[in-house]
Amino acid sequence: MLIGGISTVNGDNIDDVFNEPIGQFSAIEENVLPIHLLVSVF
């Protein structure tokens, strides 16, 4: 997932505002069936 924004003026204080804080790493759910298979899995 890529989250970001493009602005013509460097206004990071007002440009990149999100409703919920976004962490650096997502949580890992163990033993969950895959939603999308990789090409090499077919």
PDB file of N, CA and C in Angstrom:
ATOM      1  N   MET A   1       0.842  -1.147   0.000  1.00  0.00           N
ATOM      2  CA  MET A   1       0.000   0.000   0.000  1.00  0.00           C
ATOM      3  C   MET A   1       0.899   1.225   0.000  1.00  0.00           C
ATOM      4  N   LEU A   2       0.530   2.180  -0.798  1.00  0.00           N
ATOM      5  CA  LEU A   2       1.268   3.433  -0.862  1.00  0.00           C
ATOM      6  C   LEU A   2       0.322   4.553  -0.473  1.00  0.00           C
ATOM      7  N   ILE A   3       0.730   5.308   0.528  1.00  0.00           N
ATOM      8  CA  ILE A   3      -0.087   6.427   0.988  1.00  0.00           C
ATOM      9  C   ILE A   3       0.762   7.685   0.917  1.00  0.00           C
ATOM     10  N   GLY A   4       0.238   8.712   0.323  1.00  0.00           N
ATOM     11  CA  GLY A   4       1.006   9.944   0.235  1.00  0.00           C
ATOM     12  C   GLY A   4       0.213  11.009  -0.496  1.00  0.00           C
ATOM     13  N   GLY A   5       0.857  12.099  -0.756  1.00  0.00           N
ATOM     14  CA  GLY A   5       0.213  13.186  -1.458  1.00  0.00           C
ATOM     15  C   GLY A   5       1.234  14.012  -2.216  1.00  0.00           C
ATOM     16  N   ILE A   6       0.768  14.727  -3.220  1.00  0.00           N
ATOM     17  CA  ILE A   6       1.636  15.586  -4.023  1.00  0.00           C
ATOM     18  C   ILE A   6       1.111  17.010  -3.890  1.00  0.00           C
ATOM     19  N   SER A   7       2.004  17.922  -3.578  1.00  0.00           N
ATOM     20  CA  SER A   7       1.598  19.322  -3.488  1.00  0.00           C
ATOM     21  C   SER A   7       2.608  20.178  -4.231  1.00  0.00           C
ATOM     22  N   THR A   8       2.169  21.351  -4.665  1.00  0.00           N
ATOM     23  CA  THR A   8       3.067  22.262  -5.366  1.00  0.00           C
ATOM     24  C   THR A   8       3.889  23.087  -4.390  1.00  0.00           C
ATOM     25  N   VAL A   9       3.426  23.204  -3.160  1.00  0.00           N
ATOM     26  CA  VAL A   9       4.138  23.947  -2.127  1.00  0.00           C
ATOM     27  C   VAL A   9       4.420  22.992  -0.984  1.00  0.00           C
ATOM     28  N   ASN A  10       5.595  23.073  -0.388  1.00  0.00           N
ATOM     29  CA  ASN A  10       5.948  22.183   0.709  1.00  0.00           C
ATOM     30  C   ASN A  10       5.253  22.651   1.980  1.00  0.00           C
ATOM     31  N   GLY A  11       4.027  22.166   2.191  1.00  0.00           N
ATOM     32  CA  GLY A  11       3.261  22.507   3.387  1.00  0.00           C
ATOM     33  C   GLY A  11       2.892  21.239   4.132  1.00  0.00           C
ATOM     34  N   ASP A  12       3.886  20.524   4.640  1.00  0.00           N
ATOM     35  CA  ASP A  12       3.636  19.233   5.284  1.00  0.00           C
ATOM     36  C   ASP A  12       2.708  19.339   6.485  1.00  0.00           C
ATOM     37  N   ASN A  13       2.665  20.475   7.135  1.00  0.00           N
ATOM     38  CA  ASN A  13       1.805  20.621   8.314  1.00  0.00           C
ATOM     39  C   ASN A  13       0.322  20.584   7.951  1.00  0.00           C
ATOM     40  N   ILE A  14      -0.021  20.970   6.718  1.00  0.00           N
ATOM     41  CA  ILE A  14      -1.434  20.984   6.331  1.00  0.00           C
ATOM     42  C   ILE A  14      -1.752  19.999   5.206  1.00  0.00           C
ATOM     43  N   ASP A  15      -0.752  19.542   4.461  1.00  0.00           N
ATOM     44  CA  ASP A  15      -1.006  18.656   3.322  1.00  0.00           C
ATOM     45  C   ASP A  15      -1.291  17.220   3.736  1.00  0.00           C
ATOM     46  N   ASP A  16      -0.482  16.652   4.589  1.00  0.00           N
ATOM     47  CA  ASP A  16      -0.565  15.235   4.928  1.00  0.00           C
ATOM     48  C   ASP A  16      -1.273  15.045   6.261  1.00  0.00           C
ATOM     49  N   VAL A  17      -2.598  15.121   6.236  1.00  0.00           N
ATOM     50  CA  VAL A  17      -3.400  14.959   7.440  1.00  0.00           C
ATOM     51  C   VAL A  17      -4.257  13.706   7.265  1.00  0.00           C
ATOM     52  N   PHE A  18      -4.152  12.769   8.205  1.00  0.00           N
ATOM     53  CA  PHE A  18      -4.907  11.526   8.149  1.00  0.00           C
ATOM     54  C   PHE A  18      -5.837  11.450   9.357  1.00  0.00           C
ATOM     55  N   ASN A  19      -6.989  10.774   9.184  1.00  0.00           N
ATOM     56  CA  ASN A  19      -7.950  10.638  10.283  1.00  0.00           C
ATOM     57  C   ASN A  19      -7.394   9.801  11.418  1.00  0.00           C
ATOM     58  N   GLU A  20      -6.711   8.705  11.086  1.00  0.00           N
ATOM     59  CA  GLU A  20      -6.143   7.819  12.097  1.00  0.00           C
ATOM     60  C   GLU A  20      -4.632   7.766  11.914  1.00  0.00           C
ATOM     61  N   PRO A  21      -3.886   7.665  12.994  1.00  0.00           N
ATOM     62  CA  PRO A  21      -2.431   7.569  12.848  1.00  0.00           C
ATOM     63  C   PRO A  21      -2.049   6.286  12.106  1.00  0.00           C
ATOM     64  N   ILE A  22      -1.035   6.388  11.262  1.00  0.00           N
ATOM     65  CA  ILE A  22      -0.564   5.257  10.472  1.00  0.00           C
ATOM     66  C   ILE A  22       0.788   4.833  11.012  1.00  0.00           C
ATOM     67  N   GLY A  23       0.913   3.575  11.394  1.00  0.00           N
ATOM     68  CA  GLY A  23       2.167   3.063  11.923  1.00  0.00           C
ATOM     69  C   GLY A  23       3.138   2.706  10.811  1.00  0.00           C
ATOM     70  N   GLN A  24       4.382   2.471  11.178  1.00  0.00           N
ATOM     71  CA  GLN A  24       5.397   2.118  10.194  1.00  0.00           C
ATOM     72  C   GLN A  24       5.199   0.690   9.696  1.00  0.00           C
ATOM     73  N   PHE A  25       4.802  -0.224  10.583  1.00  0.00           N
ATOM     74  CA  PHE A  25       4.608  -1.618  10.218  1.00  0.00           C
ATOM     75  C   PHE A  25       3.171  -2.031  10.531  1.00  0.00           C
ATOM     76  N   SER A  26       2.604  -2.887   9.689  1.00  0.00           N
ATOM     77  CA  SER A  26       1.255  -3.386   9.952  1.00  0.00           C
ATOM     78  C   SER A  26       1.319  -4.610  10.848  1.00  0.00           C
ATOM     79  N   ALA A  27       0.196  -4.944  11.453  1.00  0.00           N
ATOM     80  CA  ALA A  27       0.132  -6.111  12.338  1.00  0.00           C
ATOM     81  C   ALA A  27       0.163  -7.388  11.500  1.00  0.00           C
ATOM     82  N   ILE A  28       0.774  -8.429  12.026  1.00  0.00           N
ATOM     83  CA  ILE A  28       0.861  -9.716  11.345  1.00  0.00           C
ATOM     84  C   ILE A  28      -0.183 -10.648  11.943  1.00  0.00           C
ATOM     85  N   GLU A  29      -1.054 -11.166  11.093  1.00  0.00           N
ATOM     86  CA  GLU A  29      -2.062 -12.124  11.531  1.00  0.00           C
ATOM     87  C   GLU A  29      -1.581 -13.514  11.138  1.00  0.00           C
ATOM     88  N   GLU A  30      -1.265 -14.340  12.118  1.00  0.00           N
ATOM     89  CA  GLU A  30      -0.740 -15.678  11.870  1.00  0.00           C
ATOM     90  C   GLU A  30      -1.852 -16.625  11.435  1.00  0.00           C
ATOM     91  N   ASN A  31      -1.499 -17.592  10.584  1.00  0.00           N
ATOM     92  CA  ASN A  31      -2.386 -18.682  10.151  1.00  0.00           C
ATOM     93  C   ASN A  31      -3.704 -18.190   9.555  1.00  0.00           C
ATOM     94  N   VAL A  32      -3.621 -17.183   8.702  1.00  0.00           N
ATOM     95  CA  VAL A  32      -4.797 -16.662   8.018  1.00  0.00           C
ATOM     96  C   VAL A  32      -4.698 -17.075   6.556  1.00  0.00           C
ATOM     97  N   LEU A  33      -5.807 -17.542   5.978  1.00  0.00           N
ATOM     98  CA  LEU A  33      -5.797 -17.938   4.576  1.00  0.00           C
ATOM     99  C   LEU A  33      -5.492 -16.731   3.694  1.00  0.00           C
ATOM    100  N   PRO A  34      -4.752 -16.933   2.607  1.00  0.00           N
ATOM    101  CA  PRO A  34      -4.390 -15.802   1.741  1.00  0.00           C
ATOM    102  C   PRO A  34      -5.599 -15.246   0.999  1.00  0.00           C
ATOM    103  N   ILE A  35      -5.605 -13.947   0.821  1.00  0.00           N
ATOM    104  CA  ILE A  35      -6.655 -13.285   0.051  1.00  0.00           C
ATOM    105  C   ILE A  35      -6.254 -13.251  -1.422  1.00  0.00           C
ATOM    106  N   HIS A  36      -4.985 -12.922  -1.693  1.00  0.00           N
ATOM    107  CA  HIS A  36      -4.454 -12.854  -3.050  1.00  0.00           C
ATOM    108  C   HIS A  36      -3.277 -13.812  -3.145  1.00  0.00           C
ATOM    109  N   LEU A  37      -3.266 -14.657  -4.168  1.00  0.00           N
ATOM    110  CA  LEU A  37      -2.156 -15.578  -4.372  1.00  0.00           C
ATOM    111  C   LEU A  37      -1.113 -14.937  -5.272  1.00  0.00           C
ATOM    112  N   LEU A  38       0.142 -15.254  -5.024  1.00  0.00           N
ATOM    113  CA  LEU A  38       1.220 -14.783  -5.880  1.00  0.00           C
ATOM    114  C   LEU A  38       1.228 -15.596  -7.167  1.00  0.00           C
ATOM    115  N   VAL A  39       1.854 -15.074  -8.215  1.00  0.00           N
ATOM    116  CA  VAL A  39       1.890 -15.763  -9.501  1.00  0.00           C
ATOM    117  C   VAL A  39       2.574 -17.115  -9.370  1.00  0.00           C
ATOM    118  N   SER A  40       3.613 -17.208  -8.559  1.00  0.00           N
ATOM    119  CA  SER A  40       4.357 -18.461  -8.428  1.00  0.00           C
ATOM    120  C   SER A  40       3.589 -19.529  -7.650  1.00  0.00           C
ATOM    121  N   VAL A  41       2.470 -19.194  -7.021  1.00  0.00           N
ATOM    122  CA  VAL A  41       1.702 -20.151  -6.225  1.00  0.00           C
ATOM    123  C   VAL A  41       0.731 -20.933  -7.102  1.00  0.00           C
ATOM    124  N   PHE A  42       0.352 -20.393  -8.260  1.00  0.00           N
ATOM    125  CA  PHE A  42      -0.622 -21.065  -9.124  1.00  0.00           C
ATOM    126  C   PHE A  42      -0.117 -22.366  -9.593  1.00  0.00           C
TER     127      PHE A  42
END
